[in-house]
N, C-alpha and C. Protein backbone atom coordinates (compact mmCIF):
# COMPACT_ATOMS: atom_id res chain seq x y z
N MET A 1 80.23 126.94 50.20
CA MET A 1 79.72 126.06 51.94
C MET A 1 81.69 124.99 51.48
N SER A 2 82.62 125.30 52.40
CA SER A 2 83.08 123.98 52.43
C SER A 2 83.31 122.71 54.04
N VAL A 3 83.07 122.08 53.68
CA VAL A 3 82.76 120.80 54.34
C VAL A 3 83.57 119.78 54.90
N THR A 4 83.64 120.31 56.15
CA THR A 4 84.55 119.45 57.28
C THR A 4 84.54 117.94 57.26
N THR A 5 85.74 117.45 57.58
CA THR A 5 85.58 116.08 57.91
C THR A 5 85.88 115.74 59.71
N LYS A 6 85.33 115.35 60.21
CA LYS A 6 86.39 115.29 61.47
C LYS A 6 86.78 113.68 62.04
N LYS A 7 87.75 113.86 62.71
CA LYS A 7 88.71 112.89 62.11
C LYS A 7 88.84 112.48 63.98
N VAL A 8 88.39 110.99 63.53
CA VAL A 8 88.21 110.96 64.88
C VAL A 8 89.11 110.05 65.27
N SER A 9 90.11 109.81 66.17
CA SER A 9 90.74 108.81 66.72
C SER A 9 90.31 107.20 67.56
N ILE A 10 90.85 106.25 67.83
CA ILE A 10 90.46 105.18 68.00
C ILE A 10 91.29 104.93 68.89
N VAL A 11 91.10 105.20 70.54
CA VAL A 11 92.05 104.93 71.11
C VAL A 11 92.14 103.18 71.31
N PRO A 12 92.88 102.37 71.53
CA PRO A 12 93.37 101.61 71.68
C PRO A 12 93.35 100.98 73.21
N ALA A 13 92.16 100.05 73.48
CA ALA A 13 92.51 99.31 74.72
C ALA A 13 93.51 98.61 75.35
N THR A 14 93.77 99.71 76.50
CA THR A 14 95.12 99.27 77.20
C THR A 14 94.77 98.18 77.65
N GLU A 15 96.22 96.92 77.62
CA GLU A 15 95.87 95.62 77.52
C GLU A 15 97.05 95.16 79.60
N VAL A 16 96.04 95.50 80.18
CA VAL A 16 96.86 95.18 81.50
C VAL A 16 96.21 94.16 82.14
N GLU A 17 97.18 93.50 82.28
CA GLU A 17 96.76 92.74 83.34
C GLU A 17 96.41 92.44 84.42
N PRO A 18 94.89 91.82 85.08
CA PRO A 18 93.57 91.72 86.49
C PRO A 18 95.11 92.04 87.69
N LYS A 19 95.51 90.98 87.60
CA LYS A 19 96.73 90.87 88.78
C LYS A 19 98.38 90.45 88.10
N ALA A 20 99.08 91.04 88.77
CA ALA A 20 100.38 91.24 88.32
C ALA A 20 100.69 89.11 89.03
N LYS A 21 101.70 88.68 88.20
CA LYS A 21 101.79 87.03 88.62
C LYS A 21 103.21 87.50 89.04
N ARG A 22 103.90 86.21 89.56
CA ARG A 22 104.78 86.08 90.92
C ARG A 22 105.55 85.31 89.80
N ARG A 23 107.30 86.59 89.34
CA ARG A 23 107.50 85.41 88.52
C ARG A 23 108.64 84.71 89.65
N SER A 24 108.63 83.39 88.09
CA SER A 24 108.85 82.42 89.31
C SER A 24 110.52 81.42 88.31
N PHE A 25 111.58 81.56 88.86
CA PHE A 25 112.96 80.63 88.77
C PHE A 25 112.80 79.76 89.00
N THR A 26 113.08 78.38 87.94
CA THR A 26 113.25 76.80 88.04
C THR A 26 115.25 76.84 88.48
N ALA A 27 115.01 75.74 88.99
CA ALA A 27 116.11 75.59 90.01
C ALA A 27 118.03 75.59 88.59
N LYS A 28 117.46 75.22 87.85
CA LYS A 28 118.56 74.91 86.51
C LYS A 28 118.42 76.64 85.73
N TYR A 29 117.72 77.30 85.65
CA TYR A 29 117.73 78.21 85.10
C TYR A 29 118.72 79.41 86.55
N LYS A 30 118.52 79.27 87.36
CA LYS A 30 119.73 79.74 88.43
C LYS A 30 120.70 79.43 88.66
N LEU A 31 120.75 78.01 88.96
CA LEU A 31 122.48 77.69 89.10
C LEU A 31 122.65 78.07 87.23
N GLU A 32 121.45 77.89 86.66
CA GLU A 32 122.81 78.45 85.07
C GLU A 32 123.65 80.54 84.92
N ILE A 33 123.08 81.37 85.29
CA ILE A 33 122.77 81.77 85.80
C ILE A 33 123.93 82.05 87.14
N LEU A 34 123.96 81.63 87.49
CA LEU A 34 125.11 82.01 88.99
C LEU A 34 126.38 81.30 88.41
N LYS A 35 126.65 80.04 86.98
CA LYS A 35 127.78 80.04 86.73
C LYS A 35 127.85 81.31 86.20
N ALA A 36 127.02 82.25 85.41
CA ALA A 36 127.34 82.86 83.96
C ALA A 36 128.16 83.75 85.34
N ALA A 37 127.26 83.85 86.13
CA ALA A 37 128.20 85.29 87.07
C ALA A 37 128.82 85.96 87.96
N ASP A 38 129.57 84.23 87.80
CA ASP A 38 130.86 83.85 87.48
C ASP A 38 131.58 83.63 87.55
N ASP A 39 131.16 83.23 85.98
CA ASP A 39 132.07 83.45 84.61
C ASP A 39 131.92 84.51 84.49
N SER A 40 131.14 85.13 84.48
CA SER A 40 131.72 87.17 84.10
C SER A 40 132.33 87.71 84.89
N GLY A 41 132.69 87.54 86.13
CA GLY A 41 132.43 87.70 87.57
C GLY A 41 134.17 87.65 87.32
N GLU A 42 135.21 86.54 87.08
CA GLU A 42 135.99 86.56 86.88
C GLU A 42 137.13 87.68 85.69
N ASN A 43 135.94 88.07 84.77
CA ASN A 43 136.64 88.83 83.71
C ASN A 43 137.13 90.96 83.20
N GLU A 44 135.51 90.94 83.46
CA GLU A 44 135.39 92.10 83.98
C GLU A 44 134.35 93.12 85.02
N SER A 45 134.42 93.71 85.09
CA SER A 45 132.94 93.93 86.42
C SER A 45 131.98 94.96 86.07
N GLY A 46 131.66 94.38 84.73
CA GLY A 46 130.33 95.28 83.88
C GLY A 46 130.05 93.91 83.62
N ASP A 47 130.77 93.08 83.64
CA ASP A 47 129.65 91.63 82.73
C ASP A 47 128.83 91.57 83.43
N ILE A 48 128.27 91.91 85.18
CA ILE A 48 127.57 91.13 85.90
C ILE A 48 126.57 91.48 85.99
N ASN A 49 126.96 93.07 85.80
CA ASN A 49 125.36 93.73 84.52
C ASN A 49 124.80 93.92 83.97
N LYS A 50 125.67 93.46 83.50
CA LYS A 50 125.44 93.73 81.91
C LYS A 50 124.21 91.78 81.94
N LEU A 51 124.40 91.06 82.19
CA LEU A 51 123.50 89.74 82.88
C LEU A 51 122.42 90.43 83.09
N LEU A 52 122.75 90.19 84.76
CA LEU A 52 121.61 91.28 85.05
C LEU A 52 120.48 92.09 84.07
N ARG A 53 121.60 93.13 84.05
CA ARG A 53 120.17 93.18 82.63
C ARG A 53 119.59 93.00 81.57
N ARG A 54 120.29 92.19 80.97
CA ARG A 54 119.46 91.61 80.26
C ARG A 54 118.83 89.73 79.77
N GLU A 55 119.23 89.83 81.50
CA GLU A 55 118.22 88.51 81.97
C GLU A 55 116.52 89.19 82.69
N GLY A 56 116.52 90.83 83.16
CA GLY A 56 115.62 90.93 83.86
C GLY A 56 116.26 90.53 85.08
N LEU A 57 117.22 90.90 85.85
CA LEU A 57 117.12 90.22 87.43
C LEU A 57 118.01 91.61 88.37
N TYR A 58 117.26 91.20 89.68
CA TYR A 58 118.23 92.21 90.04
C TYR A 58 119.59 91.84 91.24
N SER A 59 120.67 92.47 91.98
CA SER A 59 121.91 91.45 92.37
C SER A 59 120.76 90.98 93.10
N SER A 60 120.06 91.03 94.05
CA SER A 60 119.29 90.60 95.08
C SER A 60 119.14 88.84 94.66
N HIS A 61 118.98 88.74 93.80
CA HIS A 61 118.11 87.85 93.15
C HIS A 61 120.10 86.61 93.37
N LEU A 62 120.85 87.64 92.54
CA LEU A 62 121.76 86.52 93.07
C LEU A 62 122.91 86.18 94.63
N ALA A 63 122.66 87.32 95.12
CA ALA A 63 123.02 86.79 96.04
C ALA A 63 121.95 85.58 97.18
N THR A 64 120.79 85.95 96.92
CA THR A 64 119.80 84.89 97.26
C THR A 64 119.56 83.68 96.82
N TRP A 65 120.92 83.61 95.46
CA TRP A 65 120.69 81.92 94.84
C TRP A 65 121.96 81.51 95.57
N ARG A 66 123.00 82.53 94.92
CA ARG A 66 123.99 81.66 95.93
C ARG A 66 124.35 81.76 97.25
N LYS A 67 123.35 82.31 98.43
CA LYS A 67 123.30 81.71 99.68
C LYS A 67 122.35 80.12 100.33
N LEU A 68 121.23 80.59 98.61
CA LEU A 68 120.25 79.21 98.95
C LEU A 68 122.02 78.03 98.14
N ARG A 69 122.36 78.28 96.97
CA ARG A 69 122.94 77.07 95.95
C ARG A 69 124.69 76.86 97.45
N GLU A 70 124.57 77.08 98.54
CA GLU A 70 125.75 77.10 99.37
C GLU A 70 125.27 76.29 100.22
N ARG A 71 123.52 76.40 100.53
CA ARG A 71 123.35 75.49 101.82
C ARG A 71 122.72 74.29 101.42
N GLY A 72 122.94 74.08 99.90
CA GLY A 72 121.63 72.86 99.73
C GLY A 72 122.15 72.90 98.04
N GLY A 73 122.45 72.97 97.15
CA GLY A 73 123.20 72.64 95.77
C GLY A 73 121.48 72.63 95.17
N LEU A 74 121.16 71.98 94.26
CA LEU A 74 119.95 72.61 93.12
C LEU A 74 119.03 72.10 93.97
N ASP A 75 118.51 71.34 95.09
CA ASP A 75 117.52 70.82 95.88
C ASP A 75 116.81 72.90 96.62
N ALA A 76 117.85 73.17 97.34
CA ALA A 76 117.57 74.59 97.90
C ALA A 76 117.54 75.75 96.92
N LEU A 77 116.92 75.46 95.44
CA LEU A 77 117.50 75.95 94.26
C LEU A 77 116.04 76.24 94.33
N ALA A 78 115.07 75.21 93.77
CA ALA A 78 113.96 75.11 93.55
C ALA A 78 112.78 75.78 94.42
N PRO A 79 112.49 76.41 93.38
CA PRO A 79 110.91 76.95 94.37
C PRO A 79 110.07 75.85 95.22
N ARG A 80 109.53 76.87 95.93
CA ARG A 80 109.41 75.92 97.53
C ARG A 80 107.39 76.50 97.47
N GLN A 81 106.33 75.53 98.34
CA GLN A 81 104.89 76.51 98.12
C GLN A 81 105.43 77.20 99.17
N ARG A 82 104.55 78.20 98.61
CA ARG A 82 104.15 79.47 99.80
C ARG A 82 102.51 79.04 100.78
N GLY A 83 102.71 79.31 101.81
CA GLY A 83 101.23 78.70 103.25
C GLY A 83 101.41 77.95 103.86
N PRO A 84 100.99 77.56 104.16
CA PRO A 84 100.51 76.67 105.25
C PRO A 84 100.61 75.23 104.55
N LYS A 85 101.50 74.36 106.15
CA LYS A 85 101.62 72.95 104.61
C LYS A 85 100.40 71.64 105.50
N ALA A 86 100.01 71.26 104.46
CA ALA A 86 98.74 70.41 104.04
C ALA A 86 98.73 69.89 105.67
N VAL A 87 98.23 69.07 106.13
CA VAL A 87 97.62 68.28 107.44
C VAL A 87 97.32 67.19 106.93
N VAL A 88 97.43 65.84 106.81
CA VAL A 88 96.58 65.33 106.22
C VAL A 88 96.42 63.98 108.22
N PRO A 89 94.18 64.79 107.72
CA PRO A 89 94.12 64.83 109.28
C PRO A 89 93.95 63.03 109.38
N ASP A 90 94.05 62.43 110.42
CA ASP A 90 94.20 61.44 111.20
C ASP A 90 93.13 60.99 110.90
N ALA A 91 92.87 60.11 110.97
CA ALA A 91 91.63 57.75 111.10
C ALA A 91 90.28 58.35 112.22
N ARG A 92 91.29 59.09 113.39
CA ARG A 92 90.70 59.39 114.53
C ARG A 92 90.01 60.85 115.10
N ASP A 93 90.86 61.32 114.21
CA ASP A 93 89.93 62.50 113.81
C ASP A 93 88.95 62.41 113.05
N ARG A 94 88.77 62.16 111.55
CA ARG A 94 87.79 62.03 110.88
C ARG A 94 86.58 61.39 111.46
N ARG A 95 86.83 60.10 112.30
CA ARG A 95 85.42 59.61 113.25
C ARG A 95 85.18 60.49 113.67
N VAL A 96 86.05 60.84 114.86
CA VAL A 96 85.51 62.37 115.43
C VAL A 96 84.33 63.42 115.30
N ILE A 97 84.52 64.12 114.00
CA ILE A 97 84.42 64.32 113.38
C ILE A 97 83.30 64.40 112.89
N GLU A 98 83.05 63.39 112.58
CA GLU A 98 81.78 61.86 112.18
C GLU A 98 80.68 61.96 112.69
N LEU A 99 81.56 61.57 114.71
CA LEU A 99 80.36 61.00 115.61
C LEU A 99 79.96 62.91 116.19
N GLU A 100 80.32 63.48 116.74
CA GLU A 100 80.16 64.64 116.58
C GLU A 100 78.73 65.10 116.04
N ARG A 101 79.43 65.11 114.42
CA ARG A 101 78.23 65.29 112.86
C ARG A 101 76.16 64.60 113.61
N GLU A 102 76.71 63.03 113.31
CA GLU A 102 75.56 62.18 114.22
C GLU A 102 75.11 62.77 115.33
N ASN A 103 75.47 62.87 116.52
CA ASN A 103 75.49 63.25 117.50
C ASN A 103 75.00 64.91 117.24
N ALA A 104 74.97 65.66 116.88
CA ALA A 104 74.49 67.24 116.70
C ALA A 104 73.08 66.60 116.12
N ARG A 105 73.24 66.13 115.36
CA ARG A 105 71.82 65.29 113.91
C ARG A 105 70.64 64.67 114.91
N LEU A 106 71.33 64.23 115.87
CA LEU A 106 70.63 63.02 116.37
C LEU A 106 69.13 63.86 117.86
N LYS A 107 70.57 64.88 118.18
CA LYS A 107 69.86 66.04 119.23
C LYS A 107 68.58 67.19 118.98
N ALA A 108 69.61 67.65 117.31
CA ALA A 108 67.87 68.30 116.73
C ALA A 108 66.60 67.34 116.51
N ARG A 109 66.86 66.48 116.06
CA ARG A 109 66.07 65.22 116.16
C ARG A 109 65.81 65.21 117.15
N ALA A 110 65.67 64.73 118.30
CA ALA A 110 64.76 64.86 120.10
C ALA A 110 64.14 66.02 120.36
N GLU A 111 64.63 66.83 119.94
CA GLU A 111 64.41 68.14 120.61
C GLU A 111 63.41 68.06 119.86
N ARG A 112 62.86 67.62 118.20
CA ARG A 112 62.53 68.40 117.53
C ARG A 112 60.69 67.31 117.63
N ALA A 113 61.28 66.12 118.30
CA ALA A 113 60.53 65.28 119.59
C ALA A 113 59.72 66.08 120.38
N GLU A 114 60.36 66.07 120.91
CA GLU A 114 59.89 66.62 122.30
C GLU A 114 58.92 67.78 122.10
N ALA A 115 59.20 69.26 121.14
CA ALA A 115 58.44 69.85 120.49
C ALA A 115 57.01 69.54 120.19
N LEU A 116 57.11 68.18 120.03
CA LEU A 116 55.71 67.45 118.81
C LEU A 116 55.03 67.93 120.07
N VAL A 117 55.99 67.01 121.18
CA VAL A 117 54.82 65.91 122.27
C VAL A 117 54.36 67.33 122.98
N GLU A 118 55.57 68.43 123.13
CA GLU A 118 54.53 69.66 123.90
C GLU A 118 53.90 70.01 123.34
N ILE A 119 53.45 70.14 121.66
CA ILE A 119 52.34 70.52 120.93
C ILE A 119 51.15 69.52 120.98
N GLN A 120 50.59 68.00 121.55
CA GLN A 120 50.22 67.37 121.88
C GLN A 120 49.61 67.21 121.92
N LYS A 121 50.85 67.93 123.65
CA LYS A 121 49.92 67.80 125.34
C LYS A 121 48.49 68.94 125.36
N LYS A 122 49.35 69.74 124.86
CA LYS A 122 48.74 71.61 124.46
C LYS A 122 46.86 71.26 123.63
N VAL A 123 47.50 70.49 123.12
CA VAL A 123 45.98 70.64 122.31
C VAL A 123 44.93 69.76 122.80
N ALA A 124 45.78 69.55 122.98
CA ALA A 124 44.68 67.37 124.29
C ALA A 124 43.76 68.50 124.89
N ALA A 125 44.79 68.69 125.71
CA ALA A 125 44.44 70.24 127.06
C ALA A 125 43.30 70.82 126.93
N LEU A 126 43.76 71.62 125.77
CA LEU A 126 42.97 73.29 124.70
C LEU A 126 40.83 71.96 124.32
N LEU A 127 40.92 70.81 124.24
CA LEU A 127 40.32 70.07 123.79
C LEU A 127 39.30 69.56 124.47
N GLY A 128 40.77 69.28 125.90
CA GLY A 128 40.07 68.83 126.95
C GLY A 128 39.44 66.78 126.40
N LEU A 129 40.31 66.42 125.89
CA LEU A 129 41.07 64.74 125.83
C LEU A 129 42.12 64.63 127.18
N PRO A 130 40.86 63.44 127.39
CA PRO A 130 42.30 63.20 128.68
C PRO A 130 43.64 62.70 127.97
N ILE A 131 44.85 63.21 128.93
CA ILE A 131 46.47 62.67 128.48
C ILE A 131 46.86 61.73 128.77
N ASP A 132 47.47 60.60 127.48
CA ASP A 132 47.49 59.54 128.27
C ASP A 132 49.20 59.76 128.15
N ASP A 133 49.65 59.71 130.00
CA ASP A 133 51.35 59.62 129.65
C ASP A 133 51.71 58.73 130.00
N ASN A 134 52.61 58.70 128.65
CA ASN A 134 53.11 57.15 128.41
C ASN A 134 54.84 58.01 127.99
N SER A 135 55.51 58.74 128.73
CA SER A 135 56.66 59.43 128.69
C SER A 135 57.68 58.73 128.46
N GLY A 136 57.01 57.13 129.48
CA GLY A 136 58.75 56.12 129.93
C GLY A 136 58.88 56.89 130.96
N LYS A 137 59.20 57.97 131.37
CA LYS A 137 59.11 58.22 133.19
C LYS A 137 58.39 57.77 134.44
N ARG A 138 59.18 56.94 134.93
CA ARG A 138 58.68 56.76 136.79
C ARG A 138 58.60 56.98 137.75
């Protein structure tokens, strides 16, 4: 009898990021790349392509960064926060919200009190007790 052994290959777990992260570049890096691209553009036409491949960039990056540089220099190249701008609430707005909450709380309390009075009236009527109507109405 011959004994055969089974080869078991262990497959490593794949390393996949749960969510892709957008690359961001600093203003200093953008200026360095633009300077290198401008310098290499004077030498040979293939130098810009080598630069882009080496840095993992696209030509659209250069075009966008050049436009931003023309508009405002280093500040224009700095990354900006995405999404809506945060609005600082005015003190009056906070006061209005606070008063609306208090108003809603007091209305709910008044409704509960009125419901209790109605229940007490019904219980008194069922038991045949006299009802003292001091509800404040005249």
